[in-house]
Amino acid sequence: MSIVSSWEFNRDVSAVKRAAANGPVIITDHGRPSHVLLSFADYQRLTGTAGSLGDVFVLDEDIDFEPVRPRDSLREVDL
């Protein structure tokens, strides 16, 4: 597990992303741990989700949505 300061993270994001490929990277702010960067594969193992990133955001239920415009918002178009 690697530890980098937020300054180091901002200075070289690519290097920190490469380090995250080998395990979680703790990002510190003023010497205290504030964030953890991990690969998506590690995230999937941690959360028990499998599949693509798009699958994570798919809802299991249908949502009916019919936008209704208030009557007073109708206006004529002046061409």
Protein backbone atom coordinates (compact mmCIF):
# COMPACT_ATOMS: atom_id res chain seq x y z
CA MET A 1 0.00 0.00 0.00
CA SER A 2 1.38 3.41 -1.01
CA ILE A 3 0.94 6.75 0.72
CA VAL A 4 1.18 10.07 -1.15
CA SER A 5 0.39 13.63 -0.18
CA SER A 6 -2.33 15.52 -2.00
CA TRP A 7 0.44 17.75 -3.41
CA GLU A 8 2.24 14.69 -4.86
CA PHE A 9 -1.06 13.38 -6.21
CA ASN A 10 -1.81 16.67 -7.99
CA ARG A 11 1.75 16.89 -9.31
CA ASP A 12 1.80 13.43 -10.91
CA VAL A 13 -1.63 11.80 -11.18
CA SER A 14 -0.35 9.25 -13.71
CA ALA A 15 2.28 7.92 -11.31
CA VAL A 16 -0.31 7.55 -8.55
CA LYS A 17 -2.68 5.73 -10.93
CA ARG A 18 0.15 3.34 -11.82
CA ALA A 19 0.80 2.76 -8.11
CA ALA A 20 -2.92 2.00 -7.60
CA ALA A 21 -2.56 -0.87 -10.06
CA ASN A 22 -0.44 -2.60 -7.38
CA GLY A 23 -2.81 -1.87 -4.50
CA PRO A 24 -4.67 0.93 -2.73
CA VAL A 25 -2.98 4.33 -2.51
CA ILE A 26 -3.70 6.47 0.54
CA ILE A 27 -3.77 10.20 -0.23
CA THR A 28 -3.04 12.46 2.69
CA ASP A 29 -4.07 16.03 3.34
CA HIS A 30 -1.95 17.90 5.89
CA GLY A 31 -0.42 14.58 6.96
CA ARG A 32 -3.73 12.86 7.61
CA PRO A 33 -5.31 10.18 5.40
CA SER A 34 -8.17 11.75 3.43
CA HIS A 35 -8.80 9.56 0.36
CA VAL A 36 -7.99 6.14 -1.04
CA LEU A 37 -7.40 5.52 -4.73
CA LEU A 38 -7.86 1.98 -6.00
CA SER A 39 -8.21 0.30 -9.32
CA PHE A 40 -11.71 -0.41 -10.56
CA ALA A 41 -11.02 -4.15 -10.28
CA ASP A 42 -10.12 -3.69 -6.59
CA TYR A 43 -13.27 -1.62 -6.12
CA GLN A 44 -15.37 -4.40 -7.68
CA ARG A 45 -13.81 -7.01 -5.41
CA LEU A 46 -14.38 -4.78 -2.38
CA THR A 47 -18.03 -4.04 -3.18
CA GLY A 48 -18.89 -7.42 -4.70
CA THR A 49 -20.00 -5.86 -7.98
CA ALA A 50 -19.08 -7.49 -11.24
CA GLY A 51 -19.39 -6.35 -14.83
CA SER A 52 -18.74 -3.03 -16.45
CA LEU A 53 -18.89 0.42 -14.93
CA GLY A 54 -22.16 0.95 -16.79
CA ASP A 55 -23.65 -2.07 -14.99
CA VAL A 56 -23.00 -0.41 -11.65
CA PHE A 57 -25.32 2.47 -12.55
CA VAL A 58 -28.19 0.41 -13.98
CA LEU A 59 -31.40 0.59 -11.98
CA ASP A 60 -33.23 -2.64 -11.19
CA GLU A 61 -36.62 -1.00 -11.60
CA ASP A 62 -38.39 1.00 -14.28
CA ILE A 63 -39.14 4.63 -13.58
CA ASP A 64 -42.10 6.28 -15.28
CA PHE A 65 -41.43 9.89 -16.08
CA GLU A 66 -43.80 12.16 -17.93
CA PRO A 67 -42.73 15.78 -17.69
CA VAL A 68 -45.62 18.18 -17.40
CA ARG A 69 -45.25 21.78 -18.43
CA PRO A 70 -47.33 24.19 -16.33
CA ARG A 71 -50.05 25.93 -18.35
CA ASP A 72 -48.71 29.38 -17.53
CA SER A 73 -45.32 28.54 -19.04
CA LEU A 74 -46.74 28.08 -22.54
CA ARG A 75 -45.88 31.00 -24.75
CA GLU A 76 -46.10 31.81 -28.39
CA VAL A 77 -42.99 31.79 -30.50
CA ASP A 78 -42.25 35.06 -32.26
CA LEU A 79 -40.41 34.35 -35.49
